[in-house]
Structure formats: structure tokens, C-alpha cells
Amino acid sequence: MLNIVIADDEAPARKRLRKLLSESVHASELHIVAEAKDGVDTLKVLSDNSVDVLFLDIQMPGYDGFEVLDRLNPDKRPAVIFTTAFDEYAIRAFDENAVDYLLKPIPVDRLDMALARAIERKPAQKSLDNIARVLDWMDSQAFEKAAESILKSGTEDSQHQTANSAPPAHYLDQMSIPFRDRILIIPVGRIVSIEINEGITRVHILEEESAAFGGPGGPRPKIRQHIVSYTLDQLGALLNPDSFMRIHRSAIVQFKHIKELIPWFSGRYKLILSGNHEVIASRERSKVLKDKLMI
């Protein structure tokens, strides 16, 4: 049985889709658990229910369809079938790993095809989820052991390491990050910042094309954010302090991605990072940051 949510700001569109689902060849396998009338309502419905398939309109008040997906934990995101009257979003929709992209008015045969794909994906997704849980556990064990090693050896390293020596072997040189139905291996050089908000840790990554071709006169670098299951303390202990700095209790930045420092309120600095991403340093850390950057 597939638990379904219909998200659309137009009541007639929700009513028509509900009718089409009841007449589908897959109707016996479907259970509509809720409807949502805007982006904010959609997030609440998804938070309150176990959902397998989300029929998602794109142009909605509050948050549009893509903004809704940006605010979901990728590991817990349902299969998404976009429903819209506009065809110009199709490429972006499939970049978001959508099951299908249905243009309104939705033909019954296309709806049945989309549902068949969602039904096929469900057992495969369960298997991927199991693998992801095992990998998360393995990563957490590795992080804990590495952090413990750093705490034990940090003092000795700081006494013996010279300015010209190589970073110690226990600092990360790449990070594994869950993304949709796969795991990305990201070099730490592409990490722009790591930030925590409302208990969720997000890693802001410079996209690969931007890292390779960015430069003066080139296109503006693009930043993508990924949710990870580690705390700032865990990640901070594994990043080379010669390259990274915690600028307040909720953010770590990489020095080489700092493009501008703008004086802010009460002795603070606003940092403009690669991709025009902005972070504000605390007053105390702003002082340390000035010393680090020899300002």
C-alpha cells in the first residue's frame, strides 16, 4: 500500500487528482493520507505522516515545490511526482530525482505509468535505506574513533608540528554525504561552510563545475547544501584547523572560501563566502578571525 499526499494550492486540481487516483488501475494499492494547500502546509503534512508518494505542484504560495524539497531531509523524502501546468521545470524536476513529471490536465494513462514507477521504486528504496543505515552507523563509528584519537593526540601534535609540515593523517581529506539515492564523496576543499540550524547540520558545498572553472570573469560559483547526521563538534574535530575555523557556535567556515569581510554590528564581521554565501561571525570569533587572516 502506498501512502499518498496531494499538494496543490488549487482545490479543484486536488479534487480532480483524487478522483483520478480512485479510478487508477492501481487504486487498490493507494491510500491518500492527506492534502496540502501550500508549501508550508505540505511540510507539516509530511512531518506528521508516513508518506510514500508526494504529488507536488510547483507554483504554490509559502514555498514552491522545489523549496519544499530543499527543506526535507533527503534520507526521509518520499517519492515525488510533480504535477504542474508548466513544462519549463521538467529538467530541474528530474535533477531532483522525481519519479515523474505530469502536465495538467493529467491523462489517466500517464498517471498510471507514474504510479507504476513509484510502486517499483518502493522496495528498491527500502533496500537502499537499509544500506544507508548501515553506512551511517559505520561512518559514525569511524567519526567517534577519529575524534577520540584527535583528543588524545592533539596536544602532542600541536607541540611537534611545524608550520611547514603536512597536516596530520587523522584530518579528513574527503567526506561522504548522503544525496538522494546515492552517497557523494566530496573533497574537503569544496566545503564552503558547515552550519547548524534548528538541530539540523547542513554542509554547504561548492559544486564541482564551479570548483573546476570558477575564477575572475567566470560564472558565479554555485553552492549546494546537504544535510548530514553529525554535529559541528564532531566535524570540527576532524577538519584541519589550518584550513577551517568555527566562527560562532552554529557555523564553521573554510578560510580559502572567504571572499570579503564586512564590518557588522557590535564588533562582528559578516563573511561573504564563495557563491555569495553569507555567514556572520560572533564578536569574539571575529577578533580571532582578524588575527588568523592578519588583518
C-alpha atoms as a PDB file:
ATOM      1  CA  MET A   1       0.000   0.000   0.000  1.00  0.00           C
ATOM      2  CA  LEU A   2       1.305   3.439  -0.982  1.00  0.00           C
ATOM      3  CA  ASN A   3       0.556   6.329   1.372  1.00  0.00           C
ATOM      4  CA  ILE A   4      -0.065   9.405  -0.771  1.00  0.00           C
ATOM      5  CA  VAL A   5      -0.136  13.165  -0.180  1.00  0.00           C
ATOM      6  CA  ILE A   6      -1.561  15.596  -2.729  1.00  0.00           C
ATOM      7  CA  ALA A   7      -0.006  19.081  -2.546  1.00  0.00           C
ATOM      8  CA  ASP A   8      -1.640  21.748  -4.734  1.00  0.00           C
ATOM      9  CA  ASP A   9      -2.873  25.265  -3.997  1.00  0.00           C
ATOM     10  CA  GLU A  10      -5.959  24.814  -6.195  1.00  0.00           C
ATOM     11  CA  ALA A  11      -8.813  22.862  -4.600  1.00  0.00           C
ATOM     12  CA  PRO A  12     -10.316  21.779  -7.984  1.00  0.00           C
ATOM     13  CA  ALA A  13      -6.925  20.339  -9.007  1.00  0.00           C
ATOM     14  CA  ARG A  14      -6.689  18.372  -5.746  1.00  0.00           C
ATOM     15  CA  LYS A  15     -10.233  17.094  -6.218  1.00  0.00           C
ATOM     16  CA  ARG A  16      -9.570  16.010  -9.815  1.00  0.00           C
ATOM     17  CA  LEU A  17      -6.346  14.200  -8.874  1.00  0.00           C
ATOM     18  CA  ARG A  18      -8.087  12.414  -6.009  1.00  0.00           C
ATOM     19  CA  LYS A  19     -10.762  11.243  -8.479  1.00  0.00           C
ATOM     20  CA  LEU A  20      -8.157  10.089 -10.995  1.00  0.00           C
ATOM     21  CA  LEU A  21      -6.344   8.111  -8.287  1.00  0.00           C
ATOM     22  CA  SER A  22      -9.584   6.419  -7.255  1.00  0.00           C
ATOM     23  CA  GLU A  23     -10.095   5.319 -10.873  1.00  0.00           C
ATOM     24  CA  SER A  24      -6.499   4.228 -11.475  1.00  0.00           C
ATOM     25  CA  VAL A  25      -5.640   0.613 -12.232  1.00  0.00           C
ATOM     26  CA  HIS A  26      -3.506   0.835  -9.083  1.00  0.00           C
ATOM     27  CA  ALA A  27      -6.328   2.199  -6.903  1.00  0.00           C
ATOM     28  CA  SER A  28      -6.355  -0.845  -4.610  1.00  0.00           C
ATOM     29  CA  GLU A  29      -2.712  -0.158  -3.714  1.00  0.00           C
ATOM     30  CA  LEU A  30      -3.210   3.527  -2.865  1.00  0.00           C
ATOM     31  CA  HIS A  31      -4.159   5.340   0.342  1.00  0.00           C
ATOM     32  CA  ILE A  32      -4.493   9.135   0.323  1.00  0.00           C
ATOM     33  CA  VAL A  33      -3.467  10.200   3.809  1.00  0.00           C
ATOM     34  CA  ALA A  34      -3.743  13.997   3.403  1.00  0.00           C
ATOM     35  CA  GLU A  35      -3.939  17.009   1.124  1.00  0.00           C
ATOM     36  CA  ALA A  36      -1.952  20.253   1.388  1.00  0.00           C
ATOM     37  CA  LYS A  37      -2.847  23.675   0.002  1.00  0.00           C
ATOM     38  CA  ASP A  38       0.565  25.393   0.088  1.00  0.00           C
ATOM     39  CA  GLY A  39       4.260  24.798   0.736  1.00  0.00           C
ATOM     40  CA  VAL A  40       4.123  25.339   4.490  1.00  0.00           C
ATOM     41  CA  ASP A  41       1.112  23.026   4.822  1.00  0.00           C
ATOM     42  CA  THR A  42       2.935  20.409   2.733  1.00  0.00           C
ATOM     43  CA  LEU A  43       5.922  20.357   5.091  1.00  0.00           C
ATOM     44  CA  LYS A  44       3.625  19.950   8.107  1.00  0.00           C
ATOM     45  CA  VAL A  45       1.667  17.119   6.469  1.00  0.00           C
ATOM     46  CA  LEU A  46       4.886  15.302   5.553  1.00  0.00           C
ATOM     47  CA  SER A  47       6.197  15.748   9.092  1.00  0.00           C
ATOM     48  CA  ASP A  48       3.004  14.357  10.640  1.00  0.00           C
ATOM     49  CA  ASN A  49       2.520  11.349   8.347  1.00  0.00           C
ATOM     50  CA  SER A  50       4.370   8.397   6.884  1.00  0.00           C
ATOM     51  CA  VAL A  51       4.298   9.169   3.168  1.00  0.00           C
ATOM     52  CA  ASP A  52       5.453   7.051   0.228  1.00  0.00           C
ATOM     53  CA  VAL A  53       4.441   9.270  -2.697  1.00  0.00           C
ATOM     54  CA  LEU A  54       4.049  13.043  -2.860  1.00  0.00           C
ATOM     55  CA  PHE A  55       2.093  14.540  -5.767  1.00  0.00           C
ATOM     56  CA  LEU A  56       3.636  18.005  -5.769  1.00  0.00           C
ATOM     57  CA  ASP A  57       2.557  21.150  -7.576  1.00  0.00           C
ATOM     58  CA  ILE A  58       5.383  23.585  -8.335  1.00  0.00           C
ATOM     59  CA  GLN A  59       3.840  27.056  -8.130  1.00  0.00           C
ATOM     60  CA  MET A  60       2.373  27.284  -4.628  1.00  0.00           C
ATOM     61  CA  PRO A  61       2.270  30.060  -2.017  1.00  0.00           C
ATOM     62  CA  GLY A  62       4.533  29.894   1.027  1.00  0.00           C
ATOM     63  CA  TYR A  63       7.150  27.652  -0.560  1.00  0.00           C
ATOM     64  CA  ASP A  64       7.106  26.434  -4.143  1.00  0.00           C
ATOM     65  CA  GLY A  65       7.562  22.748  -4.884  1.00  0.00           C
ATOM     66  CA  PHE A  66      11.348  22.931  -5.150  1.00  0.00           C
ATOM     67  CA  GLU A  67      11.639  24.929  -1.939  1.00  0.00           C
ATOM     68  CA  VAL A  68       9.599  22.239  -0.198  1.00  0.00           C
ATOM     69  CA  LEU A  69      12.086  19.591  -1.335  1.00  0.00           C
ATOM     70  CA  ASP A  70      15.027  21.734  -0.204  1.00  0.00           C
ATOM     71  CA  ARG A  71      13.588  21.718   3.315  1.00  0.00           C
ATOM     72  CA  LEU A  72      13.136  17.951   3.530  1.00  0.00           C
ATOM     73  CA  ASN A  73      15.693  15.563   4.938  1.00  0.00           C
ATOM     74  CA  PRO A  74      16.920  13.764   1.771  1.00  0.00           C
ATOM     75  CA  ASP A  75      17.010  10.467   3.677  1.00  0.00           C
ATOM     76  CA  LYS A  76      13.302  10.711   4.531  1.00  0.00           C
ATOM     77  CA  ARG A  77      11.943  12.232   1.356  1.00  0.00           C
ATOM     78  CA  PRO A  78       9.047  10.374  -0.306  1.00  0.00           C
ATOM     79  CA  ALA A  79       8.948   9.551  -3.989  1.00  0.00           C
ATOM     80  CA  VAL A  80       7.937  12.762  -5.790  1.00  0.00           C
ATOM     81  CA  ILE A  81       5.629  13.070  -8.781  1.00  0.00           C
ATOM     82  CA  PHE A  82       5.411  16.669  -9.950  1.00  0.00           C
ATOM     83  CA  THR A  83       2.033  17.910 -11.222  1.00  0.00           C
ATOM     84  CA  THR A  84       2.040  21.271 -12.992  1.00  0.00           C
ATOM     85  CA  ALA A  85       0.663  23.224 -15.919  1.00  0.00           C
ATOM     86  CA  PHE A  86       4.150  24.367 -16.935  1.00  0.00           C
ATOM     87  CA  ASP A  87       6.707  22.324 -18.869  1.00  0.00           C
ATOM     88  CA  GLU A  88       9.744  24.574 -18.294  1.00  0.00           C
ATOM     89  CA  TYR A  89      10.586  22.978 -14.933  1.00  0.00           C
ATOM     90  CA  ALA A  90      10.954  19.419 -16.251  1.00  0.00           C
ATOM     91  CA  ILE A  91      14.769  19.301 -16.346  1.00  0.00           C
ATOM     92  CA  ARG A  92      15.075  20.684 -12.836  1.00  0.00           C
ATOM     93  CA  ALA A  93      12.401  18.244 -11.624  1.00  0.00           C
ATOM     94  CA  PHE A  94      14.362  15.229 -12.836  1.00  0.00           C
ATOM     95  CA  ASP A  95      17.529  16.727 -11.343  1.00  0.00           C
ATOM     96  CA  GLU A  96      15.621  16.398  -8.072  1.00  0.00           C
ATOM     97  CA  ASN A  97      15.249  12.679  -8.787  1.00  0.00           C
ATOM     98  CA  ALA A  98      11.496  12.928  -9.375  1.00  0.00           C
ATOM     99  CA  VAL A  99       9.633   9.744 -10.272  1.00  0.00           C
ATOM    100  CA  ASP A 100       7.702  11.585 -12.983  1.00  0.00           C
ATOM    101  CA  TYR A 101       6.593  14.988 -14.239  1.00  0.00           C
ATOM    102  CA  LEU A 102       2.910  15.219 -15.152  1.00  0.00           C
ATOM    103  CA  LEU A 103       1.427  18.140 -17.085  1.00  0.00           C
ATOM    104  CA  LYS A 104      -2.101  19.267 -16.252  1.00  0.00           C
ATOM    105  CA  PRO A 105      -4.675  18.210 -17.237  1.00  0.00           C
ATOM    106  CA  ILE A 106      -3.226  14.854 -16.281  1.00  0.00           C
ATOM    107  CA  PRO A 107      -4.030  11.979 -18.656  1.00  0.00           C
ATOM    108  CA  VAL A 108      -5.111   8.788 -16.888  1.00  0.00           C
ATOM    109  CA  ASP A 109      -2.570   6.635 -18.727  1.00  0.00           C
ATOM    110  CA  ARG A 110       0.318   8.918 -17.718  1.00  0.00           C
ATOM    111  CA  LEU A 111      -0.856   8.841 -14.112  1.00  0.00           C
ATOM    112  CA  ASP A 112      -0.904   5.041 -14.179  1.00  0.00           C
ATOM    113  CA  MET A 113       2.636   4.976 -15.590  1.00  0.00           C
ATOM    114  CA  ALA A 114       3.879   7.304 -12.875  1.00  0.00           C
ATOM    115  CA  LEU A 115       2.249   5.207 -10.155  1.00  0.00           C
ATOM    116  CA  ALA A 116       3.781   2.049 -11.614  1.00  0.00           C
ATOM    117  CA  ARG A 117       7.225   3.647 -11.348  1.00  0.00           C
ATOM    118  CA  ALA A 118       6.555   4.663  -7.757  1.00  0.00           C
ATOM    119  CA  ILE A 119       5.406   1.140  -6.876  1.00  0.00           C
ATOM    120  CA  GLU A 120       8.537  -0.352  -8.469  1.00  0.00           C
ATOM    121  CA  ARG A 121      10.754   2.093  -6.616  1.00  0.00           C
ATOM    122  CA  LYS A 122       9.372   1.393  -3.143  1.00  0.00           C
ATOM    123  CA  PRO A 123      11.086  -1.996  -2.452  1.00  0.00           C
ATOM    124  CA  ALA A 124      14.301  -0.746  -4.042  1.00  0.00           C
ATOM    125  CA  GLN A 125      14.190   2.325  -1.832  1.00  0.00           C
ATOM    126  CA  LYS A 126      13.730   0.166   1.268  1.00  0.00           C
ATOM    127  CA  SER A 127      16.867  -1.757   0.342  1.00  0.00           C
ATOM    128  CA  LEU A 128      18.776   1.500  -0.199  1.00  0.00           C
ATOM    129  CA  ASP A 129      17.523   2.810   3.134  1.00  0.00           C
ATOM    130  CA  ASN A 130      18.831  -0.301   4.882  1.00  0.00           C
ATOM    131  CA  ILE A 131      22.214   0.107   3.212  1.00  0.00           C
ATOM    132  CA  ALA A 132      22.259   3.799   4.120  1.00  0.00           C
ATOM    133  CA  ARG A 133      21.554   2.998   7.770  1.00  0.00           C
ATOM    134  CA  VAL A 134      24.468   0.557   7.856  1.00  0.00           C
ATOM    135  CA  LEU A 135      26.768   3.099   6.194  1.00  0.00           C
ATOM    136  CA  ASP A 136      25.627   5.810   8.609  1.00  0.00           C
ATOM    137  CA  TRP A 137      26.451   3.527  11.529  1.00  0.00           C
ATOM    138  CA  MET A 138      29.876   2.704  10.069  1.00  0.00           C
ATOM    139  CA  ASP A 139      30.564   6.410   9.473  1.00  0.00           C
ATOM    140  CA  SER A 140      29.511   7.308  12.999  1.00  0.00           C
ATOM    141  CA  GLN A 141      31.850   4.673  14.424  1.00  0.00           C
ATOM    142  CA  ALA A 142      34.716   5.988  12.300  1.00  0.00           C
ATOM    143  CA  PHE A 143      33.985   9.579  13.344  1.00  0.00           C
ATOM    144  CA  GLU A 144      33.886   8.658  17.036  1.00  0.00           C
ATOM    145  CA  LYS A 145      37.177   6.763  16.849  1.00  0.00           C
ATOM    146  CA  ALA A 146      38.881   9.540  14.874  1.00  0.00           C
ATOM    147  CA  ALA A 147      37.605  12.229  17.230  1.00  0.00           C
ATOM    148  CA  GLU A 148      38.824  10.245  20.233  1.00  0.00           C
ATOM    149  CA  SER A 149      42.230   9.864  18.572  1.00  0.00           C
ATOM    150  CA  ILE A 150      42.421  13.605  17.950  1.00  0.00           C
ATOM    151  CA  LEU A 151      41.570  14.449  21.543  1.00  0.00           C
ATOM    152  CA  LYS A 152      44.322  12.121  22.788  1.00  0.00           C
ATOM    153  CA  SER A 153      46.995  13.225  20.372  1.00  0.00           C
ATOM    154  CA  GLY A 154      46.064  16.868  19.763  1.00  0.00           C
ATOM    155  CA  THR A 155      48.369  18.316  22.413  1.00  0.00           C
ATOM    156  CA  GLU A 156      51.358  16.332  21.219  1.00  0.00           C
ATOM    157  CA  ASP A 157      50.660  17.226  17.595  1.00  0.00           C
ATOM    158  CA  SER A 158      50.443  20.934  18.372  1.00  0.00           C
ATOM    159  CA  GLN A 159      53.815  20.827  20.152  1.00  0.00           C
ATOM    160  CA  HIS A 160      55.701  18.985  17.425  1.00  0.00           C
ATOM    161  CA  GLN A 161      54.047  20.070  14.197  1.00  0.00           C
ATOM    162  CA  THR A 162      55.899  22.892  12.436  1.00  0.00           C
ATOM    163  CA  ALA A 163      54.390  25.495  10.163  1.00  0.00           C
ATOM    164  CA  ASN A 164      55.741  23.745   7.060  1.00  0.00           C
ATOM    165  CA  SER A 165      54.801  20.188   7.960  1.00  0.00           C
ATOM    166  CA  ALA A 166      51.947  18.284   6.315  1.00  0.00           C
ATOM    167  CA  PRO A 167      48.552  18.086   8.069  1.00  0.00           C
ATOM    168  CA  PRO A 168      48.219  15.096  10.403  1.00  0.00           C
ATOM    169  CA  ALA A 169      46.799  11.946   8.862  1.00  0.00           C
ATOM    170  CA  HIS A 170      43.697  11.978  11.044  1.00  0.00           C
ATOM    171  CA  TYR A 171      42.208  15.109   9.468  1.00  0.00           C
ATOM    172  CA  LEU A 172      39.623  14.466   6.785  1.00  0.00           C
ATOM    173  CA  ASP A 173      40.581  14.935   3.158  1.00  0.00           C
ATOM    174  CA  GLN A 174      37.133  13.935   1.882  1.00  0.00           C
ATOM    175  CA  MET A 175      33.642  13.480   3.290  1.00  0.00           C
ATOM    176  CA  SER A 176      30.871  11.014   2.411  1.00  0.00           C
ATOM    177  CA  ILE A 177      27.469  12.719   2.152  1.00  0.00           C
ATOM    178  CA  PRO A 178      24.076  11.026   1.524  1.00  0.00           C
ATOM    179  CA  PHE A 179      22.353  12.567  -1.514  1.00  0.00           C
ATOM    180  CA  ARG A 180      19.053  11.312  -2.910  1.00  0.00           C
ATOM    181  CA  ASP A 181      19.614   7.623  -3.725  1.00  0.00           C
ATOM    182  CA  ARG A 182      23.415   7.656  -3.529  1.00  0.00           C
ATOM    183  CA  ILE A 183      26.400   8.740  -1.449  1.00  0.00           C
ATOM    184  CA  LEU A 184      28.678  11.524  -2.666  1.00  0.00           C
ATOM    185  CA  ILE A 185      32.402  11.596  -1.919  1.00  0.00           C
ATOM    186  CA  ILE A 186      33.300  15.278  -1.528  1.00  0.00           C
ATOM    187  CA  PRO A 187      36.887  16.605  -1.206  1.00  0.00           C
ATOM    188  CA  VAL A 188      37.080  18.873   1.828  1.00  0.00           C
ATOM    189  CA  GLY A 189      38.448  21.643  -0.384  1.00  0.00           C
ATOM    190  CA  ARG A 190      34.912  22.097  -1.761  1.00  0.00           C
ATOM    191  CA  ILE A 191      33.382  22.612   1.694  1.00  0.00           C
ATOM    192  CA  VAL A 192      32.464  26.293   1.965  1.00  0.00           C
ATOM    193  CA  SER A 193      30.803  26.164   5.376  1.00  0.00           C
ATOM    194  CA  ILE A 194      29.099  23.827   7.829  1.00  0.00           C
ATOM    195  CA  GLU A 195      26.138  25.267   9.693  1.00  0.00           C
ATOM    196  CA  ILE A 196      23.570  24.055  12.183  1.00  0.00           C
ATOM    197  CA  ASN A 197      20.041  25.438  12.420  1.00  0.00           C
ATOM    198  CA  GLU A 198      17.165  24.029  14.476  1.00  0.00           C
ATOM    199  CA  GLY A 199      19.245  20.950  15.221  1.00  0.00           C
ATOM    200  CA  ILE A 200      19.939  20.160  11.546  1.00  0.00           C
ATOM    201  CA  THR A 201      23.539  20.218  10.295  1.00  0.00           C
ATOM    202  CA  ARG A 202      23.976  21.385   6.720  1.00  0.00           C
ATOM    203  CA  VAL A 203      27.199  21.238   4.713  1.00  0.00           C
ATOM    204  CA  HIS A 204      27.458  23.932   2.032  1.00  0.00           C
ATOM    205  CA  ILE A 205      29.416  22.556  -0.912  1.00  0.00           C
ATOM    206  CA  LEU A 206      30.902  24.307  -3.921  1.00  0.00           C
ATOM    207  CA  GLU A 207      29.545  22.445  -6.938  1.00  0.00           C
ATOM    208  CA  GLU A 208      32.151  20.516  -8.888  1.00  0.00           C
ATOM    209  CA  GLU A 209      31.877  22.586 -12.058  1.00  0.00           C
ATOM    210  CA  SER A 210      32.269  25.796 -10.054  1.00  0.00           C
ATOM    211  CA  ALA A 211      35.319  24.413  -8.261  1.00  0.00           C
ATOM    212  CA  ALA A 212      36.925  23.446 -11.572  1.00  0.00           C
ATOM    213  CA  PHE A 213      36.133  26.503 -13.680  1.00  0.00           C
ATOM    214  CA  GLY A 214      35.484  29.326 -11.228  1.00  0.00           C
ATOM    215  CA  GLY A 215      37.669  32.405 -11.320  1.00  0.00           C
ATOM    216  CA  PRO A 216      37.752  36.088 -12.181  1.00  0.00           C
ATOM    217  CA  GLY A 217      35.362  36.870 -15.012  1.00  0.00           C
ATOM    218  CA  GLY A 218      33.838  33.388 -14.882  1.00  0.00           C
ATOM    219  CA  PRO A 219      30.306  32.391 -13.904  1.00  0.00           C
ATOM    220  CA  ARG A 220      29.285  32.856 -10.285  1.00  0.00           C
ATOM    221  CA  PRO A 221      30.124  29.741  -8.230  1.00  0.00           C
ATOM    222  CA  LYS A 222      27.142  27.638  -7.243  1.00  0.00           C
ATOM    223  CA  ILE A 223      26.614  26.301  -3.735  1.00  0.00           C
ATOM    224  CA  ARG A 224      24.572  23.228  -2.859  1.00  0.00           C
ATOM    225  CA  GLN A 225      23.636  22.314   0.695  1.00  0.00           C
ATOM    226  CA  HIS A 226      23.467  18.781   2.081  1.00  0.00           C
ATOM    227  CA  ILE A 227      22.071  17.552   5.384  1.00  0.00           C
ATOM    228  CA  VAL A 228      24.333  15.282   7.447  1.00  0.00           C
ATOM    229  CA  SER A 229      23.802  13.458  10.714  1.00  0.00           C
ATOM    230  CA  TYR A 230      26.893  14.776  12.536  1.00  0.00           C
ATOM    231  CA  THR A 231      27.271  17.649  14.966  1.00  0.00           C
ATOM    232  CA  LEU A 232      29.560  20.627  14.453  1.00  0.00           C
ATOM    233  CA  ASP A 233      31.736  19.356  17.304  1.00  0.00           C
ATOM    234  CA  GLN A 234      32.231  16.002  15.563  1.00  0.00           C
ATOM    235  CA  LEU A 235      33.031  17.561  12.195  1.00  0.00           C
ATOM    236  CA  GLY A 236      35.136  20.353  13.625  1.00  0.00           C
ATOM    237  CA  ALA A 237      37.392  17.856  15.393  1.00  0.00           C
ATOM    238  CA  LEU A 238      38.107  16.157  12.070  1.00  0.00           C
ATOM    239  CA  LEU A 239      38.862  19.248   9.965  1.00  0.00           C
ATOM    240  CA  ASN A 240      42.318  20.777   9.756  1.00  0.00           C
ATOM    241  CA  PRO A 241      42.345  23.969  11.892  1.00  0.00           C
ATOM    242  CA  ASP A 242      44.817  25.489   9.436  1.00  0.00           C
ATOM    243  CA  SER A 243      42.006  25.461   6.872  1.00  0.00           C
ATOM    244  CA  PHE A 244      38.792  25.669   8.905  1.00  0.00           C
ATOM    245  CA  MET A 245      37.554  27.814  11.766  1.00  0.00           C
ATOM    246  CA  ARG A 246      34.444  27.844  13.905  1.00  0.00           C
ATOM    247  CA  ILE A 247      33.220  31.433  13.634  1.00  0.00           C
ATOM    248  CA  HIS A 248      30.345  31.037  16.078  1.00  0.00           C
ATOM    249  CA  ARG A 249      28.580  28.212  17.845  1.00  0.00           C
ATOM    250  CA  SER A 250      26.488  27.424  14.759  1.00  0.00           C
ATOM    251  CA  ALA A 251      28.985  27.672  11.881  1.00  0.00           C
ATOM    252  CA  ILE A 252      32.369  26.529  10.605  1.00  0.00           C
ATOM    253  CA  VAL A 253      33.919  28.130   7.510  1.00  0.00           C
ATOM    254  CA  GLN A 254      36.899  27.309   5.311  1.00  0.00           C
ATOM    255  CA  PHE A 255      39.422  30.140   5.088  1.00  0.00           C
ATOM    256  CA  LYS A 256      40.055  29.882   1.357  1.00  0.00           C
ATOM    257  CA  HIS A 257      36.367  30.439   0.604  1.00  0.00           C
ATOM    258  CA  ILE A 258      36.248  33.764   2.487  1.00  0.00           C
ATOM    259  CA  LYS A 259      35.997  36.460  -0.199  1.00  0.00           C
ATOM    260  CA  GLU A 260      35.061  39.540   1.847  1.00  0.00           C
ATOM    261  CA  LEU A 261      34.739  40.667   5.462  1.00  0.00           C
ATOM    262  CA  ILE A 262      32.151  43.368   6.064  1.00  0.00           C
ATOM    263  CA  PRO A 263      32.113  45.154   9.454  1.00  0.00           C
ATOM    264  CA  TRP A 264      28.823  44.321  11.149  1.00  0.00           C
ATOM    265  CA  PHE A 265      27.136  45.253  14.399  1.00  0.00           C
ATOM    266  CA  SER A 266      28.883  45.207  17.811  1.00  0.00           C
ATOM    267  CA  GLY A 267      32.322  44.346  16.505  1.00  0.00           C
ATOM    268  CA  ARG A 268      31.176  41.432  14.397  1.00  0.00           C
ATOM    269  CA  TYR A 269      32.008  40.652  10.772  1.00  0.00           C
ATOM    270  CA  LYS A 270      29.744  39.431   8.018  1.00  0.00           C
ATOM    271  CA  LEU A 271      31.671  36.942   5.848  1.00  0.00           C
ATOM    272  CA  ILE A 272      30.982  36.761   2.131  1.00  0.00           C
ATOM    273  CA  LEU A 273      31.991  33.283   1.017  1.00  0.00           C
ATOM    274  CA  SER A 274      32.262  31.567  -2.360  1.00  0.00           C
ATOM    275  CA  GLY A 275      28.962  31.669  -4.211  1.00  0.00           C
ATOM    276  CA  ASN A 276      27.996  34.839  -2.290  1.00  0.00           C
ATOM    277  CA  HIS A 277      27.027  32.698   0.689  1.00  0.00           C
ATOM    278  CA  GLU A 278      26.889  34.828   3.849  1.00  0.00           C
ATOM    279  CA  VAL A 279      27.698  33.960   7.458  1.00  0.00           C
ATOM    280  CA  ILE A 280      28.068  36.296  10.454  1.00  0.00           C
ATOM    281  CA  ALA A 281      30.901  35.671  12.911  1.00  0.00           C
ATOM    282  CA  SER A 282      30.451  36.206  16.638  1.00  0.00           C
ATOM    283  CA  ARG A 283      32.206  39.163  18.219  1.00  0.00           C
ATOM    284  CA  GLU A 284      34.858  37.063  19.963  1.00  0.00           C
ATOM    285  CA  ARG A 285      35.492  34.882  16.935  1.00  0.00           C
ATOM    286  CA  SER A 286      35.672  37.974  14.714  1.00  0.00           C
ATOM    287  CA  LYS A 287      38.709  39.081  16.721  1.00  0.00           C
ATOM    288  CA  VAL A 288      40.364  35.675  16.312  1.00  0.00           C
ATOM    289  CA  LEU A 289      39.472  35.651  12.605  1.00  0.00           C
ATOM    290  CA  LYS A 290      41.203  39.015  12.092  1.00  0.00           C
ATOM    291  CA  ASP A 291      44.352  37.623  13.704  1.00  0.00           C
ATOM    292  CA  LYS A 292      44.184  34.460  11.576  1.00  0.00           C
ATOM    293  CA  LEU A 293      43.840  36.480   8.393  1.00  0.00           C
ATOM    294  CA  MET A 294      46.431  39.027   9.597  1.00  0.00           C
ATOM    295  CA  ILE A 295      44.062  41.973   9.212  1.00  0.00           C
END
